[in-house]
Amino acid sequence: MSNSSDLSARIVAHPFPDPSAVSDTTGVSGMESVSSSLLPRIHWFEWEDCSWLPVFLRDAITDALGLIMKTFRAYRPAFPLLREWAGESKTLLDMASGSGTHVRELRQWADAKGAPIPAVRVSDLYPSRDRFQALESAFPNRVRAVKEPVDATAVPEQLRRLPRTMFTAFHHLAPDQARAALADAALHADGILIYEPHPRTIRNMLANIPGLIFGMLTPFLAGKFSWKRLLFCTLIPIVPLLLVHDGIVSVLRCYTAAEFRAMIASLPDNNMTWRIVEVPGEGAMRFMKGLCVIGKRAKG
């Protein structure tokens, strides 16, 4: 695990609520600011969010996205922050877990670094039983599935106290839903960590175009070959087109640091300590800055 000096050299923190504390300087040449954006936020639809979309298409899109995120190590820059934020917590509630790729990556990262990470409860509004069972089998006693749907804006009472994480998922929430999710966490949870590795920039929109290739290769590289996938991913590239559409819309949906600050400012009084952190990517994503929003309940 990165030590504290390494971590502080790689991030720019935006303490809340002082707006003057926000800085766009990271010391990394060529990186775009995620404090604000010239692109307006557009909450257009994503195919993956449509409840009527056939399950096999949603699963293929989810697996293709997981393949992309794993290939480009998109989640890993946030893991040291998660480890620091989680502290002595015993269990985390991961919301909108999707394919669970980030949970698998987190556990593998923690094992490689010898870094203690709390057990994780994976959950989703559309939970995938097969994916969640695979995670439970791969990490017994360290990953457990919530079988019922979990809405991030109204977490069930038996889970609401757990510290919450959301990886590449918060942008799915419209502004009213986003504020409700933050308010629910501020009222009930011991903390919340939100990570979006692809903030709202033109560069990140264009970076979705190679998703066509990943979508076409999904039947061969995602570990779940089927003739139906071969047909709709490779021979008739419906899944790649839906994937690229969703990727571009995801970028347009992402909230900036300034928008997160405004939402946090609108919350009822709470004893959460908040900070917003810009996190440089790794490898091919090193010129992109992810955004990590961290809330932690004050002790005592």
C-alpha atoms as a PDB file:
ATOM      1  CA  MET A   1       0.000   0.000   0.000  1.00  0.00           C
ATOM      2  CA  SER A   2       1.213   3.534  -0.763  1.00  0.00           C
ATOM      3  CA  ASN A   3       2.547   5.360   2.272  1.00  0.00           C
ATOM      4  CA  SER A   4       1.066   8.714   3.257  1.00  0.00           C
ATOM      5  CA  SER A   5       3.726  10.793   1.491  1.00  0.00           C
ATOM      6  CA  ASP A   6       3.202   8.880  -1.764  1.00  0.00           C
ATOM      7  CA  LEU A   7      -0.547   9.324  -1.470  1.00  0.00           C
ATOM      8  CA  SER A   8      -0.421  13.047  -0.749  1.00  0.00           C
ATOM      9  CA  ALA A   9       1.849  13.582  -3.754  1.00  0.00           C
ATOM     10  CA  ARG A  10      -0.691  11.965  -6.075  1.00  0.00           C
ATOM     11  CA  ILE A  11      -3.895  13.739  -5.055  1.00  0.00           C
ATOM     12  CA  VAL A  12      -5.388  17.172  -4.734  1.00  0.00           C
ATOM     13  CA  ALA A  13      -7.828  17.467  -1.860  1.00  0.00           C
ATOM     14  CA  HIS A  14     -10.695  19.947  -1.917  1.00  0.00           C
ATOM     15  CA  PRO A  15     -11.655  20.488   1.743  1.00  0.00           C
ATOM     16  CA  PHE A  16     -15.319  21.293   2.264  1.00  0.00           C
ATOM     17  CA  PRO A  17     -16.969  23.760   2.681  1.00  0.00           C
ATOM     18  CA  ASP A  18     -14.377  26.430   1.823  1.00  0.00           C
ATOM     19  CA  PRO A  19     -14.666  27.018  -1.977  1.00  0.00           C
ATOM     20  CA  SER A  20     -11.359  28.879  -2.063  1.00  0.00           C
ATOM     21  CA  ALA A  21      -9.599  25.662  -1.116  1.00  0.00           C
ATOM     22  CA  VAL A  22     -10.336  24.115  -4.498  1.00  0.00           C
ATOM     23  CA  SER A  23      -7.293  23.995  -6.732  1.00  0.00           C
ATOM     24  CA  ASP A  24      -6.931  22.700 -10.277  1.00  0.00           C
ATOM     25  CA  THR A  25      -3.179  22.184  -9.921  1.00  0.00           C
ATOM     26  CA  THR A  26      -2.029  18.610  -9.441  1.00  0.00           C
ATOM     27  CA  GLY A  27       1.582  18.833 -10.508  1.00  0.00           C
ATOM     28  CA  VAL A  28       0.876  16.356 -13.314  1.00  0.00           C
ATOM     29  CA  SER A  29       1.358  17.899 -16.745  1.00  0.00           C
ATOM     30  CA  GLY A  30      -1.426  17.634 -19.308  1.00  0.00           C
ATOM     31  CA  MET A  31      -4.210  16.657 -16.907  1.00  0.00           C
ATOM     32  CA  GLU A  32      -7.672  18.168 -17.208  1.00  0.00           C
ATOM     33  CA  SER A  33      -9.470  19.812 -14.317  1.00  0.00           C
ATOM     34  CA  VAL A  34     -12.417  18.043 -12.762  1.00  0.00           C
ATOM     35  CA  SER A  35     -13.261  20.947 -10.436  1.00  0.00           C
ATOM     36  CA  SER A  36     -15.578  22.337 -13.090  1.00  0.00           C
ATOM     37  CA  SER A  37     -16.378  21.575 -16.713  1.00  0.00           C
ATOM     38  CA  LEU A  38     -17.138  23.431 -19.923  1.00  0.00           C
ATOM     39  CA  LEU A  39     -19.525  20.594 -20.764  1.00  0.00           C
ATOM     40  CA  PRO A  40     -23.019  20.934 -19.302  1.00  0.00           C
ATOM     41  CA  ARG A  41     -24.263  17.969 -17.331  1.00  0.00           C
ATOM     42  CA  ILE A  42     -26.805  16.035 -19.416  1.00  0.00           C
ATOM     43  CA  HIS A  43     -28.792  13.306 -17.710  1.00  0.00           C
ATOM     44  CA  TRP A  44     -29.649  11.303 -20.803  1.00  0.00           C
ATOM     45  CA  PHE A  45     -30.606   7.640 -20.610  1.00  0.00           C
ATOM     46  CA  GLU A  46     -28.180   4.721 -20.469  1.00  0.00           C
ATOM     47  CA  TRP A  47     -29.270   1.406 -21.938  1.00  0.00           C
ATOM     48  CA  GLU A  48     -27.941  -0.454 -18.915  1.00  0.00           C
ATOM     49  CA  ASP A  49     -30.383   1.461 -16.686  1.00  0.00           C
ATOM     50  CA  CYS A  50     -33.456   0.442 -18.684  1.00  0.00           C
ATOM     51  CA  SER A  51     -35.430  -2.141 -16.717  1.00  0.00           C
ATOM     52  CA  TRP A  52     -36.931  -3.502 -19.945  1.00  0.00           C
ATOM     53  CA  LEU A  53     -33.546  -4.238 -21.547  1.00  0.00           C
ATOM     54  CA  PRO A  54     -33.134  -8.014 -21.975  1.00  0.00           C
ATOM     55  CA  VAL A  55     -31.010  -9.423 -19.183  1.00  0.00           C
ATOM     56  CA  PHE A  56     -28.507 -11.042 -21.551  1.00  0.00           C
ATOM     57  CA  LEU A  57     -27.791  -7.646 -23.173  1.00  0.00           C
ATOM     58  CA  ARG A  58     -27.438  -5.873 -19.820  1.00  0.00           C
ATOM     59  CA  ASP A  59     -25.109  -8.613 -18.584  1.00  0.00           C
ATOM     60  CA  ALA A  60     -22.989  -8.398 -21.745  1.00  0.00           C
ATOM     61  CA  ILE A  61     -22.667  -4.611 -21.418  1.00  0.00           C
ATOM     62  CA  THR A  62     -21.759  -4.978 -17.737  1.00  0.00           C
ATOM     63  CA  ASP A  63     -19.117  -7.618 -18.493  1.00  0.00           C
ATOM     64  CA  ALA A  64     -17.647  -5.527 -21.322  1.00  0.00           C
ATOM     65  CA  LEU A  65     -17.434  -2.519 -19.029  1.00  0.00           C
ATOM     66  CA  GLY A  66     -15.780  -4.634 -16.348  1.00  0.00           C
ATOM     67  CA  LEU A  67     -13.258  -5.851 -18.913  1.00  0.00           C
ATOM     68  CA  ILE A  68     -12.382  -2.268 -19.868  1.00  0.00           C
ATOM     69  CA  MET A  69     -12.052  -1.102 -16.259  1.00  0.00           C
ATOM     70  CA  LYS A  70      -9.865  -4.082 -15.377  1.00  0.00           C
ATOM     71  CA  THR A  71      -7.641  -3.685 -18.450  1.00  0.00           C
ATOM     72  CA  PHE A  72      -6.966  -0.018 -17.729  1.00  0.00           C
ATOM     73  CA  ARG A  73      -6.742  -0.432 -13.937  1.00  0.00           C
ATOM     74  CA  ALA A  74      -9.356   2.276 -13.612  1.00  0.00           C
ATOM     75  CA  TYR A  75     -10.342   1.465 -10.018  1.00  0.00           C
ATOM     76  CA  ARG A  76      -6.938   1.001  -8.438  1.00  0.00           C
ATOM     77  CA  PRO A  77      -6.012   4.673  -7.868  1.00  0.00           C
ATOM     78  CA  ALA A  78      -8.880   4.909  -5.355  1.00  0.00           C
ATOM     79  CA  PHE A  79      -7.905   1.870  -3.296  1.00  0.00           C
ATOM     80  CA  PRO A  80      -5.341   3.588  -1.017  1.00  0.00           C
ATOM     81  CA  LEU A  81      -7.943   6.243  -0.249  1.00  0.00           C
ATOM     82  CA  LEU A  82     -10.511   3.560   0.534  1.00  0.00           C
ATOM     83  CA  ARG A  83      -8.079   1.791   2.855  1.00  0.00           C
ATOM     84  CA  GLU A  84      -7.395   5.037   4.719  1.00  0.00           C
ATOM     85  CA  TRP A  85     -11.083   5.973   4.894  1.00  0.00           C
ATOM     86  CA  ALA A  86     -12.291   2.523   6.010  1.00  0.00           C
ATOM     87  CA  GLY A  87     -10.060   2.577   9.075  1.00  0.00           C
ATOM     88  CA  GLU A  88     -11.155  -0.027  11.601  1.00  0.00           C
ATOM     89  CA  SER A  89     -14.530  -0.724   9.980  1.00  0.00           C
ATOM     90  CA  LYS A  90     -15.457  -4.403   9.915  1.00  0.00           C
ATOM     91  CA  THR A  91     -17.821  -4.358   6.916  1.00  0.00           C
ATOM     92  CA  LEU A  92     -18.557  -2.051   3.980  1.00  0.00           C
ATOM     93  CA  LEU A  93     -21.722  -1.847   1.890  1.00  0.00           C
ATOM     94  CA  ASP A  94     -20.867  -1.544  -1.795  1.00  0.00           C
ATOM     95  CA  MET A  95     -23.814  -0.141  -3.723  1.00  0.00           C
ATOM     96  CA  ALA A  96     -24.479  -0.499  -7.466  1.00  0.00           C
ATOM     97  CA  SER A  97     -21.917  -3.309  -7.518  1.00  0.00           C
ATOM     98  CA  GLY A  98     -22.781  -4.356 -11.082  1.00  0.00           C
ATOM     99  CA  SER A  99     -20.315  -6.974 -12.295  1.00  0.00           C
ATOM    100  CA  GLY A 100     -18.344  -6.662  -9.051  1.00  0.00           C
ATOM    101  CA  THR A 101     -15.092  -6.137 -10.981  1.00  0.00           C
ATOM    102  CA  HIS A 102     -13.989  -3.347  -8.637  1.00  0.00           C
ATOM    103  CA  VAL A 103     -14.651  -5.535  -5.578  1.00  0.00           C
ATOM    104  CA  ARG A 104     -12.604  -8.363  -7.060  1.00  0.00           C
ATOM    105  CA  GLU A 105      -9.821  -5.888  -7.931  1.00  0.00           C
ATOM    106  CA  LEU A 106      -9.950  -4.400  -4.430  1.00  0.00           C
ATOM    107  CA  ARG A 107      -9.596  -7.782  -2.728  1.00  0.00           C
ATOM    108  CA  GLN A 108      -6.732  -8.778  -5.037  1.00  0.00           C
ATOM    109  CA  TRP A 109      -4.996  -5.442  -4.465  1.00  0.00           C
ATOM    110  CA  ALA A 110      -5.378  -5.791  -0.704  1.00  0.00           C
ATOM    111  CA  ASP A 111      -3.977  -9.328  -0.746  1.00  0.00           C
ATOM    112  CA  ALA A 112      -0.992  -8.269  -2.868  1.00  0.00           C
ATOM    113  CA  LYS A 113      -0.244  -5.277  -0.609  1.00  0.00           C
ATOM    114  CA  GLY A 114      -0.960  -7.083   2.644  1.00  0.00           C
ATOM    115  CA  ALA A 115      -3.418  -4.289   3.383  1.00  0.00           C
ATOM    116  CA  PRO A 116      -6.315  -5.146   5.696  1.00  0.00           C
ATOM    117  CA  ILE A 117      -9.629  -4.328   4.020  1.00  0.00           C
ATOM    118  CA  PRO A 118     -13.063  -4.768   5.638  1.00  0.00           C
ATOM    119  CA  ALA A 119     -15.442  -7.433   4.431  1.00  0.00           C
ATOM    120  CA  VAL A 120     -17.697  -6.186   1.616  1.00  0.00           C
ATOM    121  CA  ARG A 121     -21.449  -6.599   1.186  1.00  0.00           C
ATOM    122  CA  VAL A 122     -22.143  -6.296  -2.554  1.00  0.00           C
ATOM    123  CA  SER A 123     -25.530  -4.947  -3.617  1.00  0.00           C
ATOM    124  CA  ASP A 124     -27.337  -3.509  -6.601  1.00  0.00           C
ATOM    125  CA  LEU A 125     -30.704  -2.180  -7.721  1.00  0.00           C
ATOM    126  CA  TYR A 126     -30.651  -5.070 -10.227  1.00  0.00           C
ATOM    127  CA  PRO A 127     -28.588  -7.683  -8.365  1.00  0.00           C
ATOM    128  CA  SER A 128     -26.948 -10.385 -10.468  1.00  0.00           C
ATOM    129  CA  ARG A 129     -27.190 -13.627  -8.517  1.00  0.00           C
ATOM    130  CA  ASP A 130     -24.598 -15.453 -10.621  1.00  0.00           C
ATOM    131  CA  ARG A 131     -21.999 -12.688 -10.396  1.00  0.00           C
ATOM    132  CA  PHE A 132     -22.509 -12.221  -6.682  1.00  0.00           C
ATOM    133  CA  GLN A 133     -22.258 -15.957  -6.038  1.00  0.00           C
ATOM    134  CA  ALA A 134     -18.998 -16.032  -7.994  1.00  0.00           C
ATOM    135  CA  LEU A 135     -17.608 -13.259  -5.786  1.00  0.00           C
ATOM    136  CA  GLU A 136     -18.700 -15.046  -2.615  1.00  0.00           C
ATOM    137  CA  SER A 137     -17.018 -18.245  -3.832  1.00  0.00           C
ATOM    138  CA  ALA A 138     -13.807 -16.428  -4.756  1.00  0.00           C
ATOM    139  CA  PHE A 139     -13.585 -14.576  -1.436  1.00  0.00           C
ATOM    140  CA  PRO A 140     -15.376 -16.626   1.237  1.00  0.00           C
ATOM    141  CA  ASN A 141     -16.220 -14.670   4.393  1.00  0.00           C
ATOM    142  CA  ARG A 142     -14.751 -11.536   2.803  1.00  0.00           C
ATOM    143  CA  VAL A 143     -17.515 -10.839   0.272  1.00  0.00           C
ATOM    144  CA  ARG A 144     -21.205 -11.405   0.959  1.00  0.00           C
ATOM    145  CA  ALA A 145     -24.107 -10.607  -1.320  1.00  0.00           C
ATOM    146  CA  VAL A 146     -27.280  -8.722  -0.535  1.00  0.00           C
ATOM    147  CA  LYS A 147     -29.842 -10.660  -2.517  1.00  0.00           C
ATOM    148  CA  GLU A 148     -32.607  -8.040  -2.440  1.00  0.00           C
ATOM    149  CA  PRO A 149     -32.448  -4.830  -4.535  1.00  0.00           C
ATOM    150  CA  VAL A 150     -30.764  -1.942  -2.738  1.00  0.00           C
ATOM    151  CA  ASP A 151     -31.670   1.654  -3.601  1.00  0.00           C
ATOM    152  CA  ALA A 152     -28.819   4.057  -2.800  1.00  0.00           C
ATOM    153  CA  THR A 153     -31.321   6.795  -1.948  1.00  0.00           C
ATOM    154  CA  ALA A 154     -33.069   4.697   0.722  1.00  0.00           C
ATOM    155  CA  VAL A 155     -30.826   1.943   2.037  1.00  0.00           C
ATOM    156  CA  PRO A 156     -32.693  -0.748   4.023  1.00  0.00           C
ATOM    157  CA  GLU A 157     -32.639  -0.319   7.781  1.00  0.00           C
ATOM    158  CA  GLN A 158     -30.549  -3.434   8.454  1.00  0.00           C
ATOM    159  CA  LEU A 159     -27.756  -2.104   6.196  1.00  0.00           C
ATOM    160  CA  ARG A 160     -27.980   1.650   6.577  1.00  0.00           C
ATOM    161  CA  ARG A 161     -25.348   2.071   9.315  1.00  0.00           C
ATOM    162  CA  LEU A 162     -22.555   0.432   7.275  1.00  0.00           C
ATOM    163  CA  PRO A 163     -19.979   2.668   5.549  1.00  0.00           C
ATOM    164  CA  ARG A 164     -20.962   2.839   1.863  1.00  0.00           C
ATOM    165  CA  THR A 165     -19.012   2.782  -1.385  1.00  0.00           C
ATOM    166  CA  MET A 166     -20.067   3.539  -4.942  1.00  0.00           C
ATOM    167  CA  PHE A 167     -17.614   2.905  -7.786  1.00  0.00           C
ATOM    168  CA  THR A 168     -18.423   4.327 -11.240  1.00  0.00           C
ATOM    169  CA  ALA A 169     -22.095   4.425 -10.337  1.00  0.00           C
ATOM    170  CA  PHE A 170     -23.025   7.758  -8.762  1.00  0.00           C
ATOM    171  CA  HIS A 171     -23.486   9.403 -12.176  1.00  0.00           C
ATOM    172  CA  HIS A 172     -26.487   7.128 -12.746  1.00  0.00           C
ATOM    173  CA  LEU A 173     -28.373   9.262 -10.228  1.00  0.00           C
ATOM    174  CA  ALA A 174     -30.246  12.356 -11.377  1.00  0.00           C
ATOM    175  CA  PRO A 175     -29.585  15.485  -9.247  1.00  0.00           C
ATOM    176  CA  ASP A 176     -32.525  14.920  -6.883  1.00  0.00           C
ATOM    177  CA  GLN A 177     -31.543  11.259  -6.475  1.00  0.00           C
ATOM    178  CA  ALA A 178     -27.899  12.196  -5.968  1.00  0.00           C
ATOM    179  CA  ARG A 179     -28.777  14.610  -3.175  1.00  0.00           C
ATOM    180  CA  ALA A 180     -31.076  11.978  -1.646  1.00  0.00           C
ATOM    181  CA  ALA A 181     -28.280   9.377  -1.684  1.00  0.00           C
ATOM    182  CA  LEU A 182     -25.870  11.787   0.015  1.00  0.00           C
ATOM    183  CA  ALA A 183     -28.544  12.790   2.533  1.00  0.00           C
ATOM    184  CA  ASP A 184     -29.373   9.165   3.344  1.00  0.00           C
ATOM    185  CA  ALA A 185     -25.688   8.444   3.935  1.00  0.00           C
ATOM    186  CA  ALA A 186     -25.196  11.616   5.987  1.00  0.00           C
ATOM    187  CA  LEU A 187     -28.193  10.753   8.158  1.00  0.00           C
ATOM    188  CA  HIS A 188     -27.572   7.043   8.706  1.00  0.00           C
ATOM    189  CA  ALA A 189     -24.193   5.701   7.536  1.00  0.00           C
ATOM    190  CA  ASP A 190     -20.802   5.767   9.220  1.00  0.00           C
ATOM    191  CA  GLY A 191     -19.366   7.120   5.980  1.00  0.00           C
ATOM    192  CA  ILE A 192     -19.524   7.130   2.201  1.00  0.00           C
ATOM    193  CA  LEU A 193     -16.888   6.960  -0.532  1.00  0.00           C
ATOM    194  CA  ILE A 194     -17.812   7.721  -4.154  1.00  0.00           C
ATOM    195  CA  TYR A 195     -15.344   7.210  -6.992  1.00  0.00           C
ATOM    196  CA  GLU A 196     -15.773   8.282 -10.617  1.00  0.00           C
ATOM    197  CA  PRO A 197     -12.658   7.689 -12.751  1.00  0.00           C
ATOM    198  CA  HIS A 198     -13.976   9.431 -15.881  1.00  0.00           C
ATOM    199  CA  PRO A 199     -15.116  12.987 -15.076  1.00  0.00           C
ATOM    200  CA  ARG A 200     -16.930  15.218 -17.547  1.00  0.00           C
ATOM    201  CA  THR A 201     -14.347  16.187 -20.152  1.00  0.00           C
ATOM    202  CA  ILE A 202     -14.176  15.960 -23.939  1.00  0.00           C
ATOM    203  CA  ARG A 203     -11.106  13.730 -23.654  1.00  0.00           C
ATOM    204  CA  ASN A 204     -13.025  11.218 -21.579  1.00  0.00           C
ATOM    205  CA  MET A 205     -15.906  11.224 -24.055  1.00  0.00           C
ATOM    206  CA  LEU A 206     -13.536  10.371 -26.911  1.00  0.00           C
ATOM    207  CA  ALA A 207     -11.837   7.704 -24.788  1.00  0.00           C
ATOM    208  CA  ASN A 208     -15.008   5.623 -25.056  1.00  0.00           C
ATOM    209  CA  ILE A 209     -14.610   4.954 -28.777  1.00  0.00           C
ATOM    210  CA  PRO A 210     -12.219   1.975 -28.273  1.00  0.00           C
ATOM    211  CA  GLY A 211     -15.089   0.416 -26.353  1.00  0.00           C
ATOM    212  CA  LEU A 212     -16.286  -0.850 -29.733  1.00  0.00           C
ATOM    213  CA  ILE A 213     -13.315  -3.213 -29.820  1.00  0.00           C
ATOM    214  CA  PHE A 214     -13.755  -4.358 -26.230  1.00  0.00           C
ATOM    215  CA  GLY A 215     -17.446  -4.944 -26.822  1.00  0.00           C
ATOM    216  CA  MET A 216     -16.711  -7.149 -29.823  1.00  0.00           C
ATOM    217  CA  LEU A 217     -14.119  -9.143 -27.863  1.00  0.00           C
ATOM    218  CA  THR A 218     -16.340  -9.637 -24.807  1.00  0.00           C
ATOM    219  CA  PRO A 219     -17.429 -13.213 -25.711  1.00  0.00           C
ATOM    220  CA  PHE A 220     -13.781 -14.289 -25.805  1.00  0.00           C
ATOM    221  CA  LEU A 221     -12.218 -12.242 -22.976  1.00  0.00           C
ATOM    222  CA  ALA A 222     -14.943 -11.873 -20.339  1.00  0.00           C
ATOM    223  CA  GLY A 223     -14.940 -15.578 -19.472  1.00  0.00           C
ATOM    224  CA  LYS A 224     -18.574 -16.235 -20.405  1.00  0.00           C
ATOM    225  CA  PHE A 225     -18.661 -17.392 -24.010  1.00  0.00           C
ATOM    226  CA  SER A 226     -22.032 -18.164 -25.537  1.00  0.00           C
ATOM    227  CA  TRP A 227     -23.339 -18.264 -29.081  1.00  0.00           C
ATOM    228  CA  LYS A 228     -25.835 -15.548 -28.208  1.00  0.00           C
ATOM    229  CA  ARG A 229     -22.996 -13.296 -27.081  1.00  0.00           C
ATOM    230  CA  LEU A 230     -21.005 -14.074 -30.208  1.00  0.00           C
ATOM    231  CA  LEU A 231     -24.007 -13.052 -32.286  1.00  0.00           C
ATOM    232  CA  PHE A 232     -24.825  -9.782 -30.509  1.00  0.00           C
ATOM    233  CA  CYS A 233     -21.299  -8.723 -29.561  1.00  0.00           C
ATOM    234  CA  THR A 234     -19.216  -9.718 -32.566  1.00  0.00           C
ATOM    235  CA  LEU A 235     -21.237 -10.709 -35.610  1.00  0.00           C
ATOM    236  CA  ILE A 236     -23.977  -8.109 -35.114  1.00  0.00           C
ATOM    237  CA  PRO A 237     -22.220  -5.525 -32.857  1.00  0.00           C
ATOM    238  CA  ILE A 238     -25.260  -4.369 -30.904  1.00  0.00           C
ATOM    239  CA  VAL A 239     -23.545  -4.657 -27.509  1.00  0.00           C
ATOM    240  CA  PRO A 240     -20.475  -2.607 -28.573  1.00  0.00           C
ATOM    241  CA  LEU A 241     -22.717   0.203 -29.841  1.00  0.00           C
ATOM    242  CA  LEU A 242     -24.799   0.208 -26.647  1.00  0.00           C
ATOM    243  CA  LEU A 243     -21.579   0.138 -24.609  1.00  0.00           C
ATOM    244  CA  VAL A 244     -20.089   3.181 -26.351  1.00  0.00           C
ATOM    245  CA  HIS A 245     -23.375   5.052 -26.075  1.00  0.00           C
ATOM    246  CA  ASP A 246     -23.528   4.354 -22.340  1.00  0.00           C
ATOM    247  CA  GLY A 247     -19.869   5.297 -21.888  1.00  0.00           C
ATOM    248  CA  ILE A 248     -20.304   8.699 -23.537  1.00  0.00           C
ATOM    249  CA  VAL A 249     -23.511   9.369 -21.615  1.00  0.00           C
ATOM    250  CA  SER A 250     -21.770   8.325 -18.380  1.00  0.00           C
ATOM    251  CA  VAL A 251     -19.168  11.039 -18.932  1.00  0.00           C
ATOM    252  CA  LEU A 252     -21.862  13.632 -19.619  1.00  0.00           C
ATOM    253  CA  ARG A 253     -23.704  12.552 -16.449  1.00  0.00           C
ATOM    254  CA  CYS A 254     -20.695  12.816 -14.121  1.00  0.00           C
ATOM    255  CA  TYR A 255     -20.735  15.482 -11.436  1.00  0.00           C
ATOM    256  CA  THR A 256     -17.864  17.942 -11.029  1.00  0.00           C
ATOM    257  CA  ALA A 257     -16.226  18.803  -7.729  1.00  0.00           C
ATOM    258  CA  ALA A 258     -18.116  22.110  -7.712  1.00  0.00           C
ATOM    259  CA  GLU A 259     -21.431  20.279  -8.197  1.00  0.00           C
ATOM    260  CA  PHE A 260     -20.595  17.847  -5.394  1.00  0.00           C
ATOM    261  CA  ARG A 261     -19.766  20.773  -3.089  1.00  0.00           C
ATOM    262  CA  ALA A 262     -23.121  22.374  -3.860  1.00  0.00           C
ATOM    263  CA  MET A 263     -24.972  19.125  -3.109  1.00  0.00           C
ATOM    264  CA  ILE A 264     -23.104  18.626   0.157  1.00  0.00           C
ATOM    265  CA  ALA A 265     -23.844  22.232   1.145  1.00  0.00           C
ATOM    266  CA  SER A 266     -27.556  21.557   0.655  1.00  0.00           C
ATOM    267  CA  LEU A 267     -27.615  18.600   3.075  1.00  0.00           C
ATOM    268  CA  PRO A 268     -29.241  18.859   6.499  1.00  0.00           C
ATOM    269  CA  ASP A 269     -26.855  19.422   9.389  1.00  0.00           C
ATOM    270  CA  ASN A 270     -24.737  16.323   9.942  1.00  0.00           C
ATOM    271  CA  ASN A 271     -21.565  15.320  11.723  1.00  0.00           C
ATOM    272  CA  MET A 272     -19.823  14.044   8.604  1.00  0.00           C
ATOM    273  CA  THR A 273     -16.391  15.320   7.646  1.00  0.00           C
ATOM    274  CA  TRP A 274     -16.294  15.765   3.860  1.00  0.00           C
ATOM    275  CA  ARG A 275     -13.509  16.060   1.336  1.00  0.00           C
ATOM    276  CA  ILE A 276     -13.232  15.854  -2.429  1.00  0.00           C
ATOM    277  CA  VAL A 277     -10.070  14.420  -3.939  1.00  0.00           C
ATOM    278  CA  GLU A 278      -8.702  14.439  -7.475  1.00  0.00           C
ATOM    279  CA  VAL A 279      -6.879  11.186  -8.191  1.00  0.00           C
ATOM    280  CA  PRO A 280      -4.569  10.723 -11.207  1.00  0.00           C
ATOM    281  CA  GLY A 281      -5.073   7.519 -13.145  1.00  0.00           C
ATOM    282  CA  GLU A 282      -2.504   4.807 -13.728  1.00  0.00           C
ATOM    283  CA  GLY A 283      -0.901   3.462 -16.897  1.00  0.00           C
ATOM    284  CA  ALA A 284      -2.818   4.449 -20.034  1.00  0.00           C
ATOM    285  CA  MET A 285      -5.171   6.502 -17.839  1.00  0.00           C
ATOM    286  CA  ARG A 286      -2.436   8.514 -16.154  1.00  0.00           C
ATOM    287  CA  PHE A 287      -3.495  11.733 -17.888  1.00  0.00           C
ATOM    288  CA  MET A 288      -7.037  11.467 -16.528  1.00  0.00           C
ATOM    289  CA  LYS A 289      -8.089  12.611 -13.095  1.00  0.00           C
ATOM    290  CA  GLY A 290     -10.665  10.620 -11.235  1.00  0.00           C
ATOM    291  CA  LEU A 291     -12.851  12.210  -8.585  1.00  0.00           C
ATOM    292  CA  CYS A 292     -13.281  10.733  -5.125  1.00  0.00           C
ATOM    293  CA  VAL A 293     -15.845  12.127  -2.679  1.00  0.00           C
ATOM    294  CA  ILE A 294     -15.304  11.044   0.899  1.00  0.00           C
ATOM    295  CA  GLY A 295     -17.599  11.503   3.866  1.00  0.00           C
ATOM    296  CA  LYS A 296     -16.749  10.143   7.293  1.00  0.00           C
ATOM    297  CA  ARG A 297     -18.776  10.420  10.453  1.00  0.00           C
ATOM    298  CA  ALA A 298     -17.005  12.208  13.250  1.00  0.00           C
ATOM    299  CA  LYS A 299     -16.263  10.108  16.309  1.00  0.00           C
ATOM    300  CA  GLY A 300     -17.929  10.802  19.594  1.00  0.00           C
END
